[in-house]
Protein backbone atom coordinates (compact mmCIF):
# COMPACT_ATOMS: atom_id res chain seq x y z
CA UNK A 1 -132.16 127.72 5.38
CA UNK A 2 -133.14 131.63 6.94
CA UNK A 3 -131.35 132.99 3.52
CA UNK A 4 -133.35 130.76 0.75
CA UNK A 5 -136.40 131.77 3.10
CA UNK A 6 -135.53 135.66 2.71
CA UNK A 7 -134.53 135.25 -0.91
CA UNK A 8 -137.65 133.35 -1.17
CA UNK A 9 -140.07 136.05 0.09
CA UNK A 10 -137.97 139.00 -1.94
CA UNK A 11 -138.85 136.80 -4.73
CA UNK A 12 -142.43 136.86 -4.03
CA UNK A 13 -143.05 140.42 -3.59
CA UNK A 14 -140.62 141.61 -6.66
CA UNK A 15 -143.19 139.41 -8.70
CA UNK A 16 -146.46 140.46 -7.01
CA UNK A 17 -145.27 144.30 -7.40
CA UNK A 18 -145.20 143.79 -11.02
CA UNK A 19 -148.55 141.82 -10.89
CA UNK A 20 -150.40 144.70 -8.53
CA UNK A 21 -148.94 146.92 -11.71
CA UNK A 22 -150.76 144.92 -14.08
CA UNK A 23 -153.83 144.83 -12.45
CA UNK A 24 -153.71 148.59 -11.59
CA UNK A 25 -153.48 149.19 -15.26
CA UNK A 26 -156.53 146.28 -16.43
CA UNK A 27 -158.31 147.97 -13.89
CA UNK A 28 -158.65 152.03 -15.14
CA UNK A 29 -157.95 151.10 -19.02
CA UNK A 30 -161.65 148.81 -17.91
CA UNK A 31 -163.35 152.06 -16.77
CA UNK A 32 -161.74 153.97 -19.85
CA UNK A 33 -163.04 151.53 -22.37
CA UNK A 34 -166.68 152.07 -20.47
CA UNK A 35 -167.02 155.58 -20.53
CA UNK A 36 -167.53 155.81 -17.16
CA UNK A 37 -165.15 158.32 -15.59
CA UNK A 38 -165.13 157.69 -12.12
CA UNK A 39 -165.07 154.33 -10.89
CA UNK A 40 -167.50 152.82 -8.54
CA UNK A 41 -166.69 153.87 -4.32
CA UNK A 42 -165.68 149.84 -3.91
CA UNK A 43 -162.83 149.55 -6.71
CA UNK A 44 -162.25 153.89 -5.65
CA UNK A 45 -161.39 152.74 -1.88
CA UNK A 46 -158.99 149.71 -3.63
CA UNK A 47 -157.58 152.09 -5.81
CA UNK A 48 -156.92 154.39 -2.33
CA UNK A 49 -155.34 151.57 -0.97
CA UNK A 50 -153.37 150.71 -3.65
CA UNK A 51 -151.91 154.43 -3.62
CA UNK A 52 -150.91 154.79 0.00
CA UNK A 53 -149.41 151.06 0.12
CA UNK A 54 -147.08 152.26 -2.93
CA UNK A 55 -145.52 155.02 -0.83
CA UNK A 56 -145.58 153.19 2.63
CA UNK A 57 -143.84 149.66 0.88
CA UNK A 58 -140.96 152.49 -0.71
CA UNK A 59 -140.31 153.40 3.11
CA UNK A 60 -140.28 149.57 4.49
CA UNK A 61 -138.09 149.05 1.27
CA UNK A 62 -135.69 151.99 2.36
CA UNK A 63 -136.06 150.07 6.55
CA UNK A 64 -134.31 147.20 5.14
CA UNK A 65 -130.95 148.74 4.55
CA UNK A 66 -131.36 151.28 7.43
CA UNK A 67 -132.39 147.96 9.90
CA UNK A 68 -129.95 145.88 11.69
CA UNK A 69 -130.19 142.11 10.02
CA UNK A 70 -132.16 141.05 12.91
CA UNK A 71 -134.82 143.23 11.51
CA UNK A 72 -134.82 142.18 7.92
CA UNK A 73 -136.93 138.71 8.50
CA UNK A 74 -139.79 140.45 10.34
CA UNK A 75 -139.71 143.61 7.18
CA UNK A 76 -139.96 141.05 4.51
CA UNK A 77 -142.65 139.05 5.83
CA UNK A 78 -144.70 141.82 6.70
CA UNK A 79 -144.11 143.61 3.10
CA UNK A 80 -144.69 140.41 1.41
CA UNK A 81 -148.04 139.92 3.19
CA UNK A 82 -149.63 143.05 2.60
CA UNK A 83 -148.49 142.90 -1.33
CA UNK A 84 -150.33 139.61 -0.79
CA UNK A 85 -153.17 141.64 0.65
CA UNK A 86 -153.17 144.68 -1.74
CA UNK A 87 -152.71 142.08 -5.25
CA UNK A 88 -155.93 140.56 -4.10
CA UNK A 89 -157.67 143.50 -3.57
CA UNK A 90 -156.82 144.49 -7.08
CA UNK A 91 -157.78 140.72 -8.62
CA UNK A 92 -161.14 141.07 -7.17
CA UNK A 93 -161.17 145.17 -8.04
CA UNK A 94 -160.47 143.68 -11.10
CA UNK A 95 -162.85 141.31 -11.84
CA UNK A 96 -165.71 143.51 -10.41
CA UNK A 97 -164.98 146.19 -12.50
CA UNK A 98 -165.14 143.75 -15.31
CA UNK A 99 -168.75 142.47 -14.06
CA UNK A 100 -170.56 146.29 -14.03
CA UNK A 101 -169.27 147.08 -16.85
CA UNK A 102 -169.68 144.60 -19.98
C-alpha cells in the first residue's frame, strides 16, 4: 500500500512539474504580448519563488537517491506539497497577469 501511495505522489509531482513549466511560460508570454518590460511586483514575487523552488526541488530529488528508504516517504510528501503550492501560486499569477494586461 505504501508503494502505491509513493508512486501516486511521484506521478503527481511529475505532472505538476509539467504544469508548472506551462504556467511559467504562459506568464512570460502574457507580459511579452502586452508590451510590458517587467511584470508587476506580485508576479515578480511568484516568479522568484518558482525559480528558487526549481533549484531546491533538484536538491530534494537528489536526496531521494542518497537518503535511506526510511526518509523516502517524507521527502516525496514534502516535494509534492511544495510543488502543489507553487503550481497554485503560478495559476493565480497567470490569472492576475491576464486580468491586468487585457
